[in-house]
Amino acid sequence: MGYGDQQLKDLETTINNTECDAVVIGTPIDLNRIINIKRPSTRVWYDLQEIGSPNLEEVIEEFVKKHRL
């Protein structure tokens, strides 16, 4: 799933109009490469390690059932 042009413009505007000390980018792509962030920013990475139950698959299955998707 990607970002459309208007979504990128809106995201850039929102970030740049937000009063903050720094922006933490936790998206799969580096947003600094596609929008102009005028705040100090850093990119973080993460891994998901499932321990026990419910796991991600179970949570999604329950959500899909509950919302009849």
PDB file of N, CA and C in Angstrom:
ATOM      1  N   MET A   1       0.852  -1.170   0.000  1.00  0.00           N
ATOM      2  CA  MET A   1       0.000   0.000   0.000  1.00  0.00           C
ATOM      3  C   MET A   1       0.898   1.233   0.000  1.00  0.00           C
ATOM      4  N   GLY A   2       0.690   2.107  -0.929  1.00  0.00           N
ATOM      5  CA  GLY A   2       1.514   3.299  -1.030  1.00  0.00           C
ATOM      6  C   GLY A   2       0.747   4.556  -0.685  1.00  0.00           C
ATOM      7  N   TYR A   3       1.414   5.649  -0.805  1.00  0.00           N
ATOM      8  CA  TYR A   3       0.812   6.947  -0.538  1.00  0.00           C
ATOM      9  C   TYR A   3       0.506   7.620  -1.866  1.00  0.00           C
ATOM     10  N   GLY A   4      -0.691   8.208  -1.970  1.00  0.00           N
ATOM     11  CA  GLY A   4      -1.033   9.004  -3.137  1.00  0.00           C
ATOM     12  C   GLY A   4      -0.436  10.397  -3.007  1.00  0.00           C
ATOM     13  N   ASP A   5      -0.425  11.131  -4.111  1.00  0.00           N
ATOM     14  CA  ASP A   5       0.154  12.475  -4.104  1.00  0.00           C
ATOM     15  C   ASP A   5      -0.487  13.385  -3.064  1.00  0.00           C
ATOM     16  N   GLN A   6      -1.813  13.353  -2.965  1.00  0.00           N
ATOM     17  CA  GLN A   6      -2.504  14.213  -2.004  1.00  0.00           C
ATOM     18  C   GLN A   6      -2.203  13.778  -0.571  1.00  0.00           C
ATOM     19  N   GLN A   7      -2.125  12.468  -0.347  1.00  0.00           N
ATOM     20  CA  GLN A   7      -1.788  11.973   0.993  1.00  0.00           C
ATOM     21  C   GLN A   7      -0.392  12.435   1.406  1.00  0.00           C
ATOM     22  N   LEU A   8       0.555  12.390   0.476  1.00  0.00           N
ATOM     23  CA  LEU A   8       1.909  12.841   0.776  1.00  0.00           C
ATOM     24  C   LEU A   8       1.938  14.327   1.092  1.00  0.00           C
ATOM     25  N   LYS A   9       1.212  15.101   0.317  1.00  0.00           N
ATOM     26  CA  LYS A   9       1.152  16.548   0.549  1.00  0.00           C
ATOM     27  C   LYS A   9       0.524  16.837   1.920  1.00  0.00           C
ATOM     28  N   ASP A  10      -0.564  16.126   2.236  1.00  0.00           N
ATOM     29  CA  ASP A  10      -1.232  16.303   3.526  1.00  0.00           C
ATOM     30  C   ASP A  10      -0.322  15.898   4.683  1.00  0.00           C
ATOM     31  N   LEU A  11       0.384  14.776   4.524  1.00  0.00           N
ATOM     32  CA  LEU A  11       1.292  14.308   5.570  1.00  0.00           C
ATOM     33  C   LEU A  11       2.416  15.309   5.801  1.00  0.00           C
ATOM     34  N   GLU A  12       2.998  15.801   4.722  1.00  0.00           N
ATOM     35  CA  GLU A  12       4.063  16.802   4.830  1.00  0.00           C
ATOM     36  C   GLU A  12       3.567  18.051   5.550  1.00  0.00           C
ATOM     37  N   THR A  13       2.401  18.524   5.193  1.00  0.00           N
ATOM     38  CA  THR A  13       1.815  19.711   5.827  1.00  0.00           C
ATOM     39  C   THR A  13       1.569  19.462   7.305  1.00  0.00           C
ATOM     40  N   THR A  14       1.003  18.303   7.628  1.00  0.00           N
ATOM     41  CA  THR A  14       0.702  17.976   9.025  1.00  0.00           C
ATOM     42  C   THR A  14       1.974  17.923   9.858  1.00  0.00           C
ATOM     43  N   ILE A  15       2.983  17.226   9.358  1.00  0.00           N
ATOM     44  CA  ILE A  15       4.248  17.114  10.101  1.00  0.00           C
ATOM     45  C   ILE A  15       4.880  18.487  10.293  1.00  0.00           C
ATOM     46  N   ASN A  16       4.949  19.259   9.229  1.00  0.00           N
ATOM     47  CA  ASN A  16       5.624  20.554   9.302  1.00  0.00           C
ATOM     48  C   ASN A  16       4.849  21.591  10.110  1.00  0.00           C
ATOM     49  N   ASN A  17       3.556  21.409  10.288  1.00  0.00           N
ATOM     50  CA  ASN A  17       2.752  22.335  11.082  1.00  0.00           C
ATOM     51  C   ASN A  17       2.595  21.878  12.534  1.00  0.00           C
ATOM     52  N   THR A  18       3.183  20.741  12.872  1.00  0.00           N
ATOM     53  CA  THR A  18       3.089  20.218  14.235  1.00  0.00           C
ATOM     54  C   THR A  18       4.251  20.740  15.064  1.00  0.00           C
ATOM     55  N   GLU A  19       3.916  21.304  16.212  1.00  0.00           N
ATOM     56  CA  GLU A  19       4.944  21.796  17.119  1.00  0.00           C
ATOM     57  C   GLU A  19       5.564  20.594  17.823  1.00  0.00           C
ATOM     58  N   CYS A  20       6.828  20.334  17.531  1.00  0.00           N
ATOM     59  CA  CYS A  20       7.493  19.180  18.130  1.00  0.00           C
ATOM     60  C   CYS A  20       8.998  19.399  18.134  1.00  0.00           C
ATOM     61  N   ASP A  21       9.688  18.586  18.941  1.00  0.00           N
ATOM     62  CA  ASP A  21      11.146  18.652  18.989  1.00  0.00           C
ATOM     63  C   ASP A  21      11.774  17.810  17.890  1.00  0.00           C
ATOM     64  N   ALA A  22      11.117  16.697  17.553  1.00  0.00           N
ATOM     65  CA  ALA A  22      11.667  15.786  16.543  1.00  0.00           C
ATOM     66  C   ALA A  22      10.562  14.885  16.011  1.00  0.00           C
ATOM     67  N   VAL A  23      10.818  14.305  14.853  1.00  0.00           N
ATOM     68  CA  VAL A  23       9.893  13.375  14.212  1.00  0.00           C
ATOM     69  C   VAL A  23      10.560  12.007  14.185  1.00  0.00           C
ATOM     70  N   VAL A  24       9.838  10.983  14.640  1.00  0.00           N
ATOM     71  CA  VAL A  24      10.329   9.614  14.588  1.00  0.00           C
ATOM     72  C   VAL A  24       9.605   8.924  13.441  1.00  0.00           C
ATOM     73  N   ILE A  25      10.360   8.457  12.453  1.00  0.00           N
ATOM     74  CA  ILE A  25       9.786   7.825  11.271  1.00  0.00           C
ATOM     75  C   ILE A  25       9.849   6.314  11.467  1.00  0.00           C
ATOM     76  N   GLY A  26       8.682   5.692  11.596  1.00  0.00           N
ATOM     77  CA  GLY A  26       8.608   4.246  11.811  1.00  0.00           C
ATOM     78  C   GLY A  26       7.885   3.540  10.684  1.00  0.00           C
ATOM     79  N   THR A  27       7.939   4.103   9.497  1.00  0.00           N
ATOM     80  CA  THR A  27       7.282   3.510   8.338  1.00  0.00           C
ATOM     81  C   THR A  27       8.262   2.604   7.595  1.00  0.00           C
ATOM     82  N   PRO A  28       7.750   1.693   6.773  1.00  0.00           N
ATOM     83  CA  PRO A  28       8.648   0.804   6.008  1.00  0.00           C
ATOM     84  C   PRO A  28       9.578   1.558   5.047  1.00  0.00           C
ATOM     85  N   ILE A  29       9.191   2.754   4.632  1.00  0.00           N
ATOM     86  CA  ILE A  29      10.045   3.546   3.756  1.00  0.00           C
ATOM     87  C   ILE A  29      10.540   4.773   4.515  1.00  0.00           C
ATOM     88  N   ASP A  30      11.615   5.352   4.048  1.00  0.00           N
ATOM     89  CA  ASP A  30      12.137   6.570   4.667  1.00  0.00           C
ATOM     90  C   ASP A  30      11.378   7.764   4.092  1.00  0.00           C
ATOM     91  N   LEU A  31      10.482   8.323   4.883  1.00  0.00           N
ATOM     92  CA  LEU A  31       9.656   9.440   4.408  1.00  0.00           C
ATOM     93  C   LEU A  31      10.484  10.642   3.993  1.00  0.00           C
ATOM     94  N   ASN A  32      11.680  10.793   4.545  1.00  0.00           N
ATOM     95  CA  ASN A  32      12.547  11.908   4.148  1.00  0.00           C
ATOM     96  C   ASN A  32      12.911  11.858   2.665  1.00  0.00           C
ATOM     97  N   ARG A  33      12.788  10.705   2.061  1.00  0.00           N
ATOM     98  CA  ARG A  33      13.119  10.571   0.640  1.00  0.00           C
ATOM     99  C   ARG A  33      11.982  11.036  -0.263  1.00  0.00           C
ATOM    100  N   ILE A  34      10.754  11.147   0.290  1.00  0.00           N
ATOM    101  CA  ILE A  34       9.619  11.482  -0.573  1.00  0.00           C
ATOM    102  C   ILE A  34       8.863  12.737  -0.158  1.00  0.00           C
ATOM    103  N   ILE A  35       9.120  13.229   1.062  1.00  0.00           N
ATOM    104  CA  ILE A  35       8.519  14.499   1.476  1.00  0.00           C
ATOM    105  C   ILE A  35       9.589  15.339   2.165  1.00  0.00           C
ATOM    106  N   ASN A  36       9.337  16.633   2.253  1.00  0.00           N
ATOM    107  CA  ASN A  36      10.278  17.567   2.863  1.00  0.00           C
ATOM    108  C   ASN A  36       9.880  17.802   4.320  1.00  0.00           C
ATOM    109  N   ILE A  37      10.559  17.112   5.230  1.00  0.00           N
ATOM    110  CA  ILE A  37      10.282  17.269   6.659  1.00  0.00           C
ATOM    111  C   ILE A  37      11.209  18.350   7.195  1.00  0.00           C
ATOM    112  N   LYS A  38      10.608  19.434   7.708  1.00  0.00           N
ATOM    113  CA  LYS A  38      11.386  20.594   8.162  1.00  0.00           C
ATOM    114  C   LYS A  38      11.650  20.554   9.663  1.00  0.00           C
ATOM    115  N   ARG A  39      11.583  19.384  10.234  1.00  0.00           N
ATOM    116  CA  ARG A  39      11.874  19.178  11.656  1.00  0.00           C
ATOM    117  C   ARG A  39      13.022  18.173  11.749  1.00  0.00           C
ATOM    118  N   PRO A  40      13.763  18.176  12.858  1.00  0.00           N
ATOM    119  CA  PRO A  40      14.756  17.117  13.040  1.00  0.00           C
ATOM    120  C   PRO A  40      14.030  15.766  13.025  1.00  0.00           C
ATOM    121  N   SER A  41      14.614  14.790  12.365  1.00  0.00           N
ATOM    122  CA  SER A  41      13.932  13.496  12.292  1.00  0.00           C
ATOM    123  C   SER A  41      14.940  12.362  12.295  1.00  0.00           C
ATOM    124  N   THR A  42      14.448  11.206  12.690  1.00  0.00           N
ATOM    125  CA  THR A  42      15.245   9.983  12.653  1.00  0.00           C
ATOM    126  C   THR A  42      14.337   8.838  12.261  1.00  0.00           C
ATOM    127  N   ARG A  43      14.920   7.853  11.658  1.00  0.00           N
ATOM    128  CA  ARG A  43      14.160   6.674  11.229  1.00  0.00           C
ATOM    129  C   ARG A  43      14.483   5.521  12.171  1.00  0.00           C
ATOM    130  N   VAL A  44      13.454   4.784  12.558  1.00  0.00           N
ATOM    131  CA  VAL A  44      13.646   3.627  13.431  1.00  0.00           C
ATOM    132  C   VAL A  44      13.182   2.370  12.708  1.00  0.00           C
ATOM    133  N   TRP A  45      13.751   1.239  13.113  1.00  0.00           N
ATOM    134  CA  TRP A  45      13.370  -0.055  12.575  1.00  0.00           C
ATOM    135  C   TRP A  45      12.850  -0.895  13.730  1.00  0.00           C
ATOM    136  N   TYR A  46      12.070  -1.902  13.386  1.00  0.00           N
ATOM    137  CA  TYR A  46      11.530  -2.773  14.421  1.00  0.00           C
ATOM    138  C   TYR A  46      11.283  -4.154  13.847  1.00  0.00           C
ATOM    139  N   ASP A  47      11.250  -5.133  14.713  1.00  0.00           N
ATOM    140  CA  ASP A  47      10.898  -6.501  14.373  1.00  0.00           C
ATOM    141  C   ASP A  47       9.776  -6.922  15.303  1.00  0.00           C
ATOM    142  N   LEU A  48       8.882  -7.730  14.791  1.00  0.00           N
ATOM    143  CA  LEU A  48       7.786  -8.254  15.598  1.00  0.00           C
ATOM    144  C   LEU A  48       8.115  -9.685  15.979  1.00  0.00           C
ATOM    145  N   GLN A  49       8.149  -9.938  17.263  1.00  0.00           N
ATOM    146  CA  GLN A  49       8.352 -11.298  17.738  1.00  0.00           C
ATOM    147  C   GLN A  49       7.128 -11.678  18.557  1.00  0.00           C
ATOM    148  N   GLU A  50       6.377 -12.615  18.029  1.00  0.00           N
ATOM    149  CA  GLU A  50       5.164 -13.041  18.723  1.00  0.00           C
ATOM    150  C   GLU A  50       5.531 -14.033  19.821  1.00  0.00           C
ATOM    151  N   ILE A  51       4.972 -13.794  20.991  1.00  0.00           N
ATOM    152  CA  ILE A  51       5.205 -14.674  22.127  1.00  0.00           C
ATOM    153  C   ILE A  51       3.843 -15.035  22.695  1.00  0.00           C
ATOM    154  N   GLY A  52       3.454 -16.268  22.540  1.00  0.00           N
ATOM    155  CA  GLY A  52       2.190 -16.719  23.102  1.00  0.00           C
ATOM    156  C   GLY A  52       0.985 -16.354  22.257  1.00  0.00           C
ATOM    157  N   SER A  53      -0.138 -16.278  22.931  1.00  0.00           N
ATOM    158  CA  SER A  53      -1.406 -16.063  22.253  1.00  0.00           C
ATOM    159  C   SER A  53      -2.159 -14.951  22.959  1.00  0.00           C
ATOM    160  N   PRO A  54      -2.885 -14.096  22.263  1.00  0.00           N
ATOM    161  CA  PRO A  54      -3.132 -14.184  20.824  1.00  0.00           C
ATOM    162  C   PRO A  54      -1.938 -13.667  20.032  1.00  0.00           C
ATOM    163  N   ASN A  55      -1.711 -14.273  18.862  1.00  0.00           N
ATOM    164  CA  ASN A  55      -0.678 -13.774  17.968  1.00  0.00           C
ATOM    165  C   ASN A  55      -1.340 -12.879  16.923  1.00  0.00           C
ATOM    166  N   LEU A  56      -0.551 -12.303  16.053  1.00  0.00           N
ATOM    167  CA  LEU A  56      -1.076 -11.347  15.078  1.00  0.00           C
ATOM    168  C   LEU A  56      -2.132 -11.985  14.186  1.00  0.00           C
ATOM    169  N   GLU A  57      -1.874 -13.200  13.731  1.00  0.00           N
ATOM    170  CA  GLU A  57      -2.842 -13.885  12.866  1.00  0.00           C
ATOM    171  C   GLU A  57      -4.187 -14.058  13.565  1.00  0.00           C
ATOM    172  N   GLU A  58      -4.182 -14.446  14.828  1.00  0.00           N
ATOM    173  CA  GLU A  58      -5.422 -14.639  15.583  1.00  0.00           C
ATOM    174  C   GLU A  58      -6.166 -13.323  15.773  1.00  0.00           C
ATOM    175  N   VAL A  59      -5.436 -12.266  16.048  1.00  0.00           N
ATOM    176  CA  VAL A  59      -6.051 -10.953  16.238  1.00  0.00           C
ATOM    177  C   VAL A  59      -6.727 -10.494  14.944  1.00  0.00           C
ATOM    178  N   ILE A  60      -6.041 -10.669  13.829  1.00  0.00           N
ATOM    179  CA  ILE A  60      -6.614 -10.266  12.537  1.00  0.00           C
ATOM    180  C   ILE A  60      -7.826 -11.113  12.187  1.00  0.00           C
ATOM    181  N   GLU A  61      -7.736 -12.425  12.396  1.00  0.00           N
ATOM    182  CA  GLU A  61      -8.888 -13.299  12.124  1.00  0.00           C
ATOM    183  C   GLU A  61     -10.103 -12.886  12.940  1.00  0.00           C
ATOM    184  N   GLU A  62      -9.915 -12.592  14.205  1.00  0.00           N
ATOM    185  CA  GLU A  62     -11.013 -12.149  15.064  1.00  0.00           C
ATOM    186  C   GLU A  62     -11.604 -10.838  14.577  1.00  0.00           C
ATOM    187  N   PHE A  63     -10.746  -9.905  14.185  1.00  0.00           N
ATOM    188  CA  PHE A  63     -11.205  -8.612  13.666  1.00  0.00           C
ATOM    189  C   PHE A  63     -12.035  -8.811  12.412  1.00  0.00           C
ATOM    190  N   VAL A  64     -11.560  -9.643  11.508  1.00  0.00           N
ATOM    191  CA  VAL A  64     -12.272  -9.895  10.242  1.00  0.00           C
ATOM    192  C   VAL A  64     -13.641 -10.523  10.530  1.00  0.00           C
ATOM    193  N   LYS A  65     -13.676 -11.490  11.428  1.00  0.00           N
ATOM    194  CA  LYS A  65     -14.960 -12.116  11.804  1.00  0.00           C
ATOM    195  C   LYS A  65     -15.920 -11.093  12.409  1.00  0.00           C
ATOM    196  N   LYS A  66     -15.423 -10.338  13.374  1.00  0.00           N
ATOM    197  CA  LYS A  66     -16.237  -9.368  14.099  1.00  0.00           C
ATOM    198  C   LYS A  66     -16.844  -8.329  13.163  1.00  0.00           C
ATOM    199  N   HIS A  67     -16.081  -7.911  12.180  1.00  0.00           N
ATOM    200  CA  HIS A  67     -16.528  -6.850  11.264  1.00  0.00           C
ATOM    201  C   HIS A  67     -17.056  -7.402   9.936  1.00  0.00           C
ATOM    202  N   ARG A  68     -17.163  -8.719   9.890  1.00  0.00           N
ATOM    203  CA  ARG A  68     -17.717  -9.412   8.701  1.00  0.00           C
ATOM    204  C   ARG A  68     -17.024  -8.970   7.410  1.00  0.00           C
ATOM    205  N   LEU A  69     -15.714  -8.959   7.440  1.00  0.00           N
ATOM    206  CA  LEU A  69     -14.932  -8.543   6.269  1.00  0.00           C
ATOM    207  C   LEU A  69     -14.543  -9.739   5.423  1.00  0.00           C
TER     208      LEU A  69
END
